[in-house]
Amino acid sequence: GMYMRLAFSVAINVNADILLIDEIL
């Protein structure tokens, strides 16, 4: 769960134009 929190936090704070998500939610 801590891995997921860190990975998700980085991915959604890079101000990307396109976000791709595979089951991680």
PDB file of all heavy atoms in Angstrom:
ATOM      1  N   GLY A   1       0.814  -1.214   0.000  1.00  0.00           N
ATOM      2  CA  GLY A   1       0.000   0.000   0.000  1.00  0.00           C
ATOM      3  C   GLY A   1       0.840   1.253   0.000  1.00  0.00           C
ATOM      4  O   GLY A   1       0.500   2.245  -0.657  1.00  0.00           O
ATOM      5  N   MET A   2       1.972   1.238   0.715  1.00  0.00           N
ATOM      6  CA  MET A   2       2.873   2.394   0.747  1.00  0.00           C
ATOM      7  C   MET A   2       3.540   2.590  -0.608  1.00  0.00           C
ATOM      8  O   MET A   2       3.729   3.721  -1.073  1.00  0.00           O
ATOM      9  CB  MET A   2       3.908   2.209   1.857  1.00  0.00           C
ATOM     10  CG  MET A   2       3.296   2.227   3.251  1.00  0.00           C
ATOM     11  SD  MET A   2       4.407   1.595   4.529  1.00  0.00           S
ATOM     12  CE  MET A   2       5.620   2.913   4.623  1.00  0.00           C
ATOM     13  N   TYR A   3       3.898   1.484  -1.272  1.00  0.00           N
ATOM     14  CA  TYR A   3       4.435   1.560  -2.636  1.00  0.00           C
ATOM     15  C   TYR A   3       3.449   2.293  -3.542  1.00  0.00           C
ATOM     16  O   TYR A   3       3.813   3.192  -4.304  1.00  0.00           O
ATOM     17  CB  TYR A   3       4.654   0.135  -3.182  1.00  0.00           C
ATOM     18  CG  TYR A   3       6.066  -0.349  -3.162  1.00  0.00           C
ATOM     19  CD1 TYR A   3       6.598  -0.974  -2.036  1.00  0.00           C
ATOM     20  CD2 TYR A   3       6.883  -0.223  -4.280  1.00  0.00           C
ATOM     21  CE1 TYR A   3       7.896  -1.453  -2.015  1.00  0.00           C
ATOM     22  CE2 TYR A   3       8.182  -0.688  -4.266  1.00  0.00           C
ATOM     23  CZ  TYR A   3       8.682  -1.310  -3.131  1.00  0.00           C
ATOM     24  OH  TYR A   3       9.963  -1.773  -3.128  1.00  0.00           O
ATOM     25  N   MET A   4       2.174   1.859  -3.458  1.00  0.00           N
ATOM     26  CA  MET A   4       1.154   2.434  -4.321  1.00  0.00           C
ATOM     27  C   MET A   4       0.971   3.922  -4.040  1.00  0.00           C
ATOM     28  O   MET A   4       0.851   4.731  -4.963  1.00  0.00           O
ATOM     29  CB  MET A   4      -0.163   1.684  -4.116  1.00  0.00           C
ATOM     30  CG  MET A   4      -1.279   2.047  -5.093  1.00  0.00           C
ATOM     31  SD  MET A   4      -2.146   3.560  -4.684  1.00  0.00           S
ATOM     32  CE  MET A   4      -2.948   3.060  -3.155  1.00  0.00           C
ATOM     33  N   ARG A   5       0.955   4.284  -2.773  1.00  0.00           N
ATOM     34  CA  ARG A   5       0.789   5.690  -2.413  1.00  0.00           C
ATOM     35  C   ARG A   5       1.891   6.543  -3.029  1.00  0.00           C
ATOM     36  O   ARG A   5       1.630   7.615  -3.586  1.00  0.00           O
ATOM     37  CB  ARG A   5       0.818   5.852  -0.885  1.00  0.00           C
ATOM     38  CG  ARG A   5      -0.412   5.341  -0.183  1.00  0.00           C
ATOM     39  CD  ARG A   5      -0.166   5.302   1.319  1.00  0.00           C
ATOM     40  NE  ARG A   5      -1.307   4.759   2.028  1.00  0.00           N
ATOM     41  CZ  ARG A   5      -2.170   5.476   2.732  1.00  0.00           C
ATOM     42  NH1 ARG A   5      -2.034   6.788   2.803  1.00  0.00           N
ATOM     43  NH2 ARG A   5      -3.176   4.912   3.358  1.00  0.00           N
ATOM     44  N   LEU A   6       3.125   6.059  -2.918  1.00  0.00           N
ATOM     45  CA  LEU A   6       4.250   6.828  -3.438  1.00  0.00           C
ATOM     46  C   LEU A   6       4.199   6.912  -4.960  1.00  0.00           C
ATOM     47  O   LEU A   6       4.377   7.992  -5.545  1.00  0.00           O
ATOM     48  CB  LEU A   6       5.567   6.198  -2.981  1.00  0.00           C
ATOM     49  CG  LEU A   6       6.825   7.028  -3.215  1.00  0.00           C
ATOM     50  CD1 LEU A   6       6.755   8.347  -2.456  1.00  0.00           C
ATOM     51  CD2 LEU A   6       8.064   6.247  -2.806  1.00  0.00           C
ATOM     52  N   ALA A   7       3.952   5.763  -5.611  1.00  0.00           N
ATOM     53  CA  ALA A   7       3.905   5.740  -7.077  1.00  0.00           C
ATOM     54  C   ALA A   7       2.794   6.634  -7.611  1.00  0.00           C
ATOM     55  O   ALA A   7       2.984   7.409  -8.556  1.00  0.00           O
ATOM     56  CB  ALA A   7       3.712   4.303  -7.569  1.00  0.00           C
ATOM     57  N   PHE A   8       1.616   6.543  -7.015  1.00  0.00           N
ATOM     58  CA  PHE A   8       0.485   7.341  -7.468  1.00  0.00           C
ATOM     59  C   PHE A   8       0.747   8.827  -7.235  1.00  0.00           C
ATOM     60  O   PHE A   8       0.442   9.665  -8.090  1.00  0.00           O
ATOM     61  CB  PHE A   8      -0.781   6.912  -6.730  1.00  0.00           C
ATOM     62  CG  PHE A   8      -2.040   7.494  -7.295  1.00  0.00           C
ATOM     63  CD1 PHE A   8      -2.738   6.853  -8.296  1.00  0.00           C
ATOM     64  CD2 PHE A   8      -2.533   8.703  -6.825  1.00  0.00           C
ATOM     65  CE1 PHE A   8      -3.892   7.387  -8.822  1.00  0.00           C
ATOM     66  CE2 PHE A   8      -3.685   9.247  -7.343  1.00  0.00           C
ATOM     67  CZ  PHE A   8      -4.372   8.594  -8.341  1.00  0.00           C
ATOM     68  N   SER A   9       1.338   9.144  -6.094  1.00  0.00           N
ATOM     69  CA  SER A   9       1.588  10.548  -5.761  1.00  0.00           C
ATOM     70  C   SER A   9       2.540  11.195  -6.751  1.00  0.00           C
ATOM     71  O   SER A   9       2.366  12.353  -7.132  1.00  0.00           O
ATOM     72  CB  SER A   9       2.155  10.648  -4.341  1.00  0.00           C
ATOM     73  OG  SER A   9       1.247  10.141  -3.399  1.00  0.00           O
ATOM     74  N   VAL A  10       3.561  10.441  -7.169  1.00  0.00           N
ATOM     75  CA  VAL A  10       4.496  10.981  -8.158  1.00  0.00           C
ATOM     76  C   VAL A  10       3.792  11.174  -9.495  1.00  0.00           C
ATOM     77  O   VAL A  10       3.881  12.239 -10.123  1.00  0.00           O
ATOM     78  CB  VAL A  10       5.716  10.051  -8.325  1.00  0.00           C
ATOM     79  CG1 VAL A  10       6.616  10.556  -9.454  1.00  0.00           C
ATOM     80  CG2 VAL A  10       6.508   9.963  -7.026  1.00  0.00           C
ATOM     81  N   ALA A  11       3.062  10.141  -9.929  1.00  0.00           N
ATOM     82  CA  ALA A  11       2.467  10.158 -11.269  1.00  0.00           C
ATOM     83  C   ALA A  11       1.470  11.292 -11.465  1.00  0.00           C
ATOM     84  O   ALA A  11       1.391  11.877 -12.545  1.00  0.00           O
ATOM     85  CB  ALA A  11       1.804   8.810 -11.556  1.00  0.00           C
ATOM     86  N   ILE A  12       0.705  11.622 -10.416  1.00  0.00           N
ATOM     87  CA  ILE A  12      -0.333  12.639 -10.599  1.00  0.00           C
ATOM     88  C   ILE A  12       0.162  14.043 -10.288  1.00  0.00           C
ATOM     89  O   ILE A  12      -0.598  15.004 -10.413  1.00  0.00           O
ATOM     90  CB  ILE A  12      -1.571  12.332  -9.725  1.00  0.00           C
ATOM     91  CG1 ILE A  12      -1.210  12.385  -8.238  1.00  0.00           C
ATOM     92  CG2 ILE A  12      -2.169  11.001 -10.101  1.00  0.00           C
ATOM     93  CD1 ILE A  12      -2.414  12.283  -7.336  1.00  0.00           C
ATOM     94  N   ASN A  13       1.421  14.173  -9.901  1.00  0.00           N
ATOM     95  CA  ASN A  13       1.956  15.499  -9.595  1.00  0.00           C
ATOM     96  C   ASN A  13       3.041  15.946 -10.574  1.00  0.00           C
ATOM     97  O   ASN A  13       3.761  16.900 -10.293  1.00  0.00           O
ATOM     98  CB  ASN A  13       2.509  15.532  -8.171  1.00  0.00           C
ATOM     99  CG  ASN A  13       1.422  15.702  -7.133  1.00  0.00           C
ATOM    100  OD1 ASN A  13       0.836  16.768  -6.996  1.00  0.00           O
ATOM    101  ND2 ASN A  13       1.133  14.625  -6.416  1.00  0.00           N
ATOM    102  N   VAL A  14       3.136  15.268 -11.717  1.00  0.00           N
ATOM    103  CA  VAL A  14       4.114  15.684 -12.723  1.00  0.00           C
ATOM    104  C   VAL A  14       3.479  16.613 -13.757  1.00  0.00           C
ATOM    105  O   VAL A  14       4.130  17.020 -14.719  1.00  0.00           O
ATOM    106  CB  VAL A  14       4.749  14.458 -13.430  1.00  0.00           C
ATOM    107  CG1 VAL A  14       5.484  13.597 -12.433  1.00  0.00           C
ATOM    108  CG2 VAL A  14       3.696  13.651 -14.179  1.00  0.00           C
ATOM    109  N   ASN A  15       2.178  16.918 -13.561  1.00  0.00           N
ATOM    110  CA  ASN A  15       1.452  17.774 -14.516  1.00  0.00           C
ATOM    111  C   ASN A  15       1.531  17.237 -15.937  1.00  0.00           C
ATOM    112  O   ASN A  15       1.815  17.966 -16.878  1.00  0.00           O
ATOM    113  CB  ASN A  15       1.985  19.210 -14.467  1.00  0.00           C
ATOM    114  CG  ASN A  15       1.568  19.925 -13.195  1.00  0.00           C
ATOM    115  OD1 ASN A  15       0.896  19.363 -12.351  1.00  0.00           O
ATOM    116  ND2 ASN A  15       1.994  21.176 -13.066  1.00  0.00           N
ATOM    117  N   ALA A  16       1.257  15.924 -16.052  1.00  0.00           N
ATOM    118  CA  ALA A  16       1.296  15.294 -17.371  1.00  0.00           C
ATOM    119  C   ALA A  16       0.072  15.679 -18.183  1.00  0.00           C
ATOM    120  O   ALA A  16      -0.989  16.008 -17.641  1.00  0.00           O
ATOM    121  CB  ALA A  16       1.376  13.782 -17.220  1.00  0.00           C
ATOM    122  N   ASP A  17       0.221  15.621 -19.494  1.00  0.00           N
ATOM    123  CA  ASP A  17      -0.914  15.841 -20.391  1.00  0.00           C
ATOM    124  C   ASP A  17      -1.741  14.577 -20.551  1.00  0.00           C
ATOM    125  O   ASP A  17      -2.947  14.636 -20.808  1.00  0.00           O
ATOM    126  CB  ASP A  17      -0.411  16.296 -21.767  1.00  0.00           C
ATOM    127  CG  ASP A  17       0.415  17.564 -21.671  1.00  0.00           C
ATOM    128  OD1 ASP A  17      -0.128  18.579 -21.199  1.00  0.00           O
ATOM    129  OD2 ASP A  17       1.612  17.530 -22.047  1.00  0.00           O
ATOM    130  N   ILE A  18      -1.079  13.417 -20.397  1.00  0.00           N
ATOM    131  CA  ILE A  18      -1.730  12.124 -20.570  1.00  0.00           C
ATOM    132  C   ILE A  18      -1.363  11.237 -19.378  1.00  0.00           C
ATOM    133  O   ILE A  18      -0.189  11.076 -19.054  1.00  0.00           O
ATOM    134  CB  ILE A  18      -1.292  11.430 -21.883  1.00  0.00           C
ATOM    135  CG1 ILE A  18      -1.648  12.293 -23.091  1.00  0.00           C
ATOM    136  CG2 ILE A  18      -1.926  10.051 -22.001  1.00  0.00           C
ATOM    137  CD1 ILE A  18      -1.030  11.800 -24.392  1.00  0.00           C
ATOM    138  N   LEU A  19      -2.362  10.663 -18.720  1.00  0.00           N
ATOM    139  CA  LEU A  19      -2.138   9.772 -17.582  1.00  0.00           C
ATOM    140  C   LEU A  19      -2.696   8.395 -17.925  1.00  0.00           C
ATOM    141  O   LEU A  19      -3.881   8.254 -18.249  1.00  0.00           O
ATOM    142  CB  LEU A  19      -2.822  10.331 -16.333  1.00  0.00           C
ATOM    143  CG  LEU A  19      -2.714   9.485 -15.053  1.00  0.00           C
ATOM    144  CD1 LEU A  19      -1.261   9.290 -14.644  1.00  0.00           C
ATOM    145  CD2 LEU A  19      -3.511  10.133 -13.920  1.00  0.00           C
ATOM    146  N   LEU A  20      -1.842   7.375 -17.847  1.00  0.00           N
ATOM    147  CA  LEU A  20      -2.218   5.994 -18.161  1.00  0.00           C
ATOM    148  C   LEU A  20      -2.209   5.182 -16.869  1.00  0.00           C
ATOM    149  O   LEU A  20      -1.205   5.157 -16.156  1.00  0.00           O
ATOM    150  CB  LEU A  20      -1.243   5.386 -19.172  1.00  0.00           C
ATOM    151  CG  LEU A  20      -0.972   6.219 -20.421  1.00  0.00           C
ATOM    152  CD1 LEU A  20       0.122   5.570 -21.271  1.00  0.00           C
ATOM    153  CD2 LEU A  20      -2.243   6.401 -21.247  1.00  0.00           C
ATOM    154  N   ILE A  21      -3.308   4.494 -16.584  1.00  0.00           N
ATOM    155  CA  ILE A  21      -3.449   3.770 -15.325  1.00  0.00           C
ATOM    156  C   ILE A  21      -3.920   2.342 -15.612  1.00  0.00           C
ATOM    157  O   ILE A  21      -4.889   2.126 -16.332  1.00  0.00           O
ATOM    158  CB  ILE A  21      -4.467   4.450 -14.388  1.00  0.00           C
ATOM    159  CG1 ILE A  21      -4.128   5.932 -14.218  1.00  0.00           C
ATOM    160  CG2 ILE A  21      -4.516   3.755 -13.029  1.00  0.00           C
ATOM    161  CD1 ILE A  21      -5.177   6.705 -13.436  1.00  0.00           C
ATOM    162  N   ASP A  22      -3.229   1.370 -15.004  1.00  0.00           N
ATOM    163  CA  ASP A  22      -3.568  -0.042 -15.198  1.00  0.00           C
ATOM    164  C   ASP A  22      -3.868  -0.691 -13.856  1.00  0.00           C
ATOM    165  O   ASP A  22      -2.954  -1.128 -13.150  1.00  0.00           O
ATOM    166  CB  ASP A  22      -2.420  -0.778 -15.887  1.00  0.00           C
ATOM    167  CG  ASP A  22      -2.801  -2.206 -16.283  1.00  0.00           C
ATOM    168  OD1 ASP A  22      -3.955  -2.596 -16.037  1.00  0.00           O
ATOM    169  OD2 ASP A  22      -1.949  -2.921 -16.830  1.00  0.00           O
ATOM    170  N   GLU A  23      -5.139  -0.748 -13.463  1.00  0.00           N
ATOM    171  CA  GLU A  23      -5.638  -1.480 -12.298  1.00  0.00           C
ATOM    172  C   GLU A  23      -5.103  -0.994 -10.954  1.00  0.00           C
ATOM    173  O   GLU A  23      -5.481  -1.503  -9.915  1.00  0.00           O
ATOM    174  CB  GLU A  23      -5.298  -2.983 -12.431  1.00  0.00           C
ATOM    175  CG  GLU A  23      -6.080  -3.714 -13.479  1.00  0.00           C
ATOM    176  CD  GLU A  23      -7.553  -3.903 -13.113  1.00  0.00           C
ATOM    177  OE1 GLU A  23      -7.964  -3.509 -12.012  1.00  0.00           O
ATOM    178  OE2 GLU A  23      -8.290  -4.406 -13.957  1.00  0.00           O
ATOM    179  N   ILE A  24      -4.192  -0.049 -10.914  1.00  0.00           N
ATOM    180  CA  ILE A  24      -3.526   0.275  -9.656  1.00  0.00           C
ATOM    181  C   ILE A  24      -4.470   0.893  -8.636  1.00  0.00           C
ATOM    182  O   ILE A  24      -4.218   0.862  -7.433  1.00  0.00           O
ATOM    183  CB  ILE A  24      -2.316   1.211  -9.908  1.00  0.00           C
ATOM    184  CG1 ILE A  24      -1.372   1.205  -8.691  1.00  0.00           C
ATOM    185  CG2 ILE A  24      -2.766   2.617 -10.231  1.00  0.00           C
ATOM    186  CD1 ILE A  24      -0.050   1.877  -8.952  1.00  0.00           C
ATOM    187  N   LEU A  25      -5.609   1.413  -9.083  1.00  0.00           N
ATOM    188  CA  LEU A  25      -6.548   2.047  -8.139  1.00  0.00           C
ATOM    189  C   LEU A  25      -7.214   1.035  -7.226  1.00  0.00           C
ATOM    190  O   LEU A  25      -7.857   1.400  -6.249  1.00  0.00           O
ATOM    191  CB  LEU A  25      -7.623   2.826  -8.898  1.00  0.00           C
ATOM    192  CG  LEU A  25      -7.142   4.070  -9.644  1.00  0.00           C
ATOM    193  CD1 LEU A  25      -8.311   4.738 -10.326  1.00  0.00           C
ATOM    194  CD2 LEU A  25      -6.449   5.034  -8.710  1.00  0.00           C
TER     195      LEU A  25
END
